Every structure is written in structure tokens, then in C-alpha cells.
Amino acid sequence: MKKYCVVSEIKPKSIKSYINHHKKIHKNSYKELLQVIKKSGVKEEVIFIYKNLAIIYFEADDIGRCYEFQKGFEVVKKWNKLMAPLFKSVHKFDNSKKIKTLEKIFDLNEQLKGKLDST
């Protein structure tokens, strides 16, 4: 299982909206999106907010394959369209363009085993 992290800059005026959409996703019409994400192969996805940055952490065997699977679903297209105006620059989470992930430089469990998987 590989670990990925992406940082996206949210427009300052859109932070509350971004947070509210994510906190209520399980209650609204995007509930299906959660199942699509899981079925695509994402084992873990956590989003943290720091100032106007969304820090998105993923665990998956291949995040590109996950995006490829997800892009065929209308709920994903609808969600991406809803989120796009909230960001300063938009990552296309559909594998149409390679998303720049952060470089992993430390992983406690891997270091304890004497190795670091840098992906």
C-alpha cells in the first residue's frame, strides 16, 4: 500500500464552504461518492485544513488507477465541478494530468523496518 499526500490552496473566501461540504458529505446527495472512492481502491483518505490549505492524504496501491476508475462516475464529475471554484488552482482528480504529490521523507513504521518507500 502506497501513501500519497496532495496540498491544494483554497480561496480564502471559500474555506468555510469547502469544510462544510466535506463535513456533511455523508448526509447529502454525494453519499454515493464515498462508495465510489472506496470501490476505486482508496483504502484511506483524510483531509486536514491548515489556514487556506487542504492537505489530502491517501492510501492506495496506485492512486492513478483509482482516479481512472472514479472518472467514469457522474457523482465524481458533479463533485469536482462543485469543488473547482473553491480552489485557487484546480487539481483534476481524474488522472487526466499527473497530480503533484508531496515527497515522503519519513515514515515511522518503515524506518523501524529499516527502509523508506519514497512513494
Protein backbone atom coordinates (compact mmCIF):
# COMPACT_ATOMS: atom_id res chain seq x y z
CA MET A 1 0.00 0.00 0.00
CA LYS A 2 1.40 3.38 -1.03
CA LYS A 3 0.82 6.66 0.78
CA TYR A 4 0.15 9.90 -1.09
CA CYS A 5 -0.30 13.49 0.02
CA VAL A 6 -1.55 16.43 -2.05
CA VAL A 7 -1.79 20.06 -0.96
CA SER A 8 -4.40 22.29 -2.59
CA GLU A 9 -4.79 26.00 -1.98
CA ILE A 10 -8.36 27.07 -1.23
CA LYS A 11 -9.54 30.59 -1.94
CA PRO A 12 -9.70 32.31 1.48
CA LYS A 13 -13.35 33.27 0.99
CA SER A 14 -14.21 29.61 0.21
CA ILE A 15 -12.68 27.85 3.23
CA LYS A 16 -15.92 27.61 5.24
CA SER A 17 -17.80 26.28 2.23
CA TYR A 18 -15.09 23.69 1.49
CA ILE A 19 -15.13 22.49 5.10
CA ASN A 20 -18.93 22.37 5.28
CA HIS A 21 -19.23 20.36 2.07
CA HIS A 22 -16.77 17.77 3.38
CA LYS A 23 -18.19 17.54 6.89
CA LYS A 24 -21.70 16.88 5.52
CA ILE A 25 -20.86 14.66 2.55
CA HIS A 26 -22.30 11.57 4.28
CA LYS A 27 -25.63 13.37 4.75
CA ASN A 28 -26.15 14.86 1.30
CA SER A 29 -26.56 13.82 -2.31
CA TYR A 30 -22.85 12.98 -2.54
CA LYS A 31 -23.06 9.97 -0.26
CA GLU A 32 -22.58 7.77 -3.35
CA LEU A 33 -19.22 9.48 -3.86
CA LEU A 34 -17.88 7.84 -0.70
CA GLN A 35 -18.65 4.38 -2.10
CA VAL A 36 -17.07 5.20 -5.46
CA ILE A 37 -13.87 6.34 -3.72
CA LYS A 38 -13.72 3.10 -1.71
CA LYS A 39 -14.50 0.90 -4.73
CA SER A 40 -11.75 2.62 -6.71
CA GLY A 41 -9.12 1.19 -4.37
CA VAL A 42 -8.58 4.07 -1.97
CA LYS A 43 -8.06 2.43 1.42
CA GLU A 44 -7.75 5.68 3.37
CA GLU A 45 -8.40 9.32 2.59
CA VAL A 46 -8.08 12.05 5.19
CA ILE A 47 -8.22 15.80 4.63
CA PHE A 48 -6.70 18.30 7.02
CA ILE A 49 -7.08 22.07 6.83
CA TYR A 50 -4.22 24.43 7.64
CA LYS A 51 -5.04 28.08 7.05
CA ASN A 52 -6.25 28.02 3.43
CA LEU A 53 -4.56 24.73 2.50
CA ALA A 54 -6.32 21.41 2.09
CA ILE A 55 -3.84 18.65 2.92
CA ILE A 56 -5.19 15.45 1.40
CA TYR A 57 -3.70 12.13 2.50
CA PHE A 58 -4.41 8.91 0.56
CA GLU A 59 -3.51 5.25 0.88
CA ALA A 60 -3.90 3.15 -2.25
CA ASP A 61 -1.93 0.68 -4.32
CA ASP A 62 -1.96 3.06 -7.30
CA ILE A 63 -3.69 6.42 -7.00
CA GLY A 64 -3.64 6.84 -10.79
CA ARG A 65 -5.73 3.69 -11.23
CA CYS A 66 -8.11 4.95 -8.55
CA TYR A 67 -8.62 8.22 -10.43
CA GLU A 68 -9.07 6.35 -13.70
CA PHE A 69 -11.86 4.28 -12.11
CA GLN A 70 -13.52 7.29 -10.46
CA LYS A 71 -13.68 9.50 -13.56
CA GLY A 72 -16.41 7.36 -15.11
CA PHE A 73 -18.97 8.23 -12.45
CA GLU A 74 -21.35 11.19 -12.72
CA VAL A 75 -21.23 11.80 -8.97
CA VAL A 76 -17.46 12.34 -9.22
CA LYS A 77 -17.87 14.77 -12.11
CA LYS A 78 -20.58 16.63 -10.20
CA TRP A 79 -18.45 16.81 -7.02
CA ASN A 80 -15.38 18.04 -8.92
CA LYS A 81 -17.48 20.72 -10.60
CA LEU A 82 -18.80 21.81 -7.18
CA MET A 83 -15.29 21.94 -5.67
CA ALA A 84 -13.41 23.56 -8.58
CA PRO A 85 -14.48 27.19 -7.90
CA LEU A 86 -13.31 26.89 -4.29
CA PHE A 87 -9.64 26.41 -5.20
CA LYS A 88 -7.04 28.94 -6.33
CA SER A 89 -5.77 26.40 -8.84
CA VAL A 90 -7.56 23.17 -9.58
CA HIS A 91 -6.10 19.68 -9.47
CA LYS A 92 -8.02 17.35 -11.70
CA PHE A 93 -8.52 14.27 -9.57
CA ASP A 94 -9.32 12.20 -12.63
CA ASN A 95 -5.84 11.07 -13.78
CA SER A 96 -6.10 13.31 -16.87
CA LYS A 97 -2.99 15.11 -15.71
CA LYS A 98 -0.38 13.84 -13.27
CA ILE A 99 -1.11 15.31 -9.85
CA LYS A 100 1.95 16.51 -7.99
CA THR A 101 2.13 14.65 -4.71
CA LEU A 102 4.36 15.61 -1.83
CA GLU A 103 7.64 13.79 -1.33
CA LYS A 104 7.57 11.46 1.65
CA ILE A 105 10.76 11.80 3.66
CA PHE A 106 9.82 9.98 6.88
CA ASP A 107 7.55 7.11 7.80
CA LEU A 108 7.89 5.80 11.36
CA ASN A 109 6.89 2.22 10.63
CA GLU A 110 9.05 1.97 7.54
CA GLN A 111 12.01 3.50 9.35
CA LEU A 112 11.59 0.96 12.15
CA LYS A 113 11.80 -1.78 9.49
CA GLY A 114 14.98 -0.16 8.14
CA LYS A 115 13.61 1.16 4.84
CA LEU A 116 11.66 4.06 3.36
CA ASP A 117 9.28 3.64 0.44
CA SER A 118 9.50 7.14 -1.04
CA THR A 119 6.21 6.93 -2.97
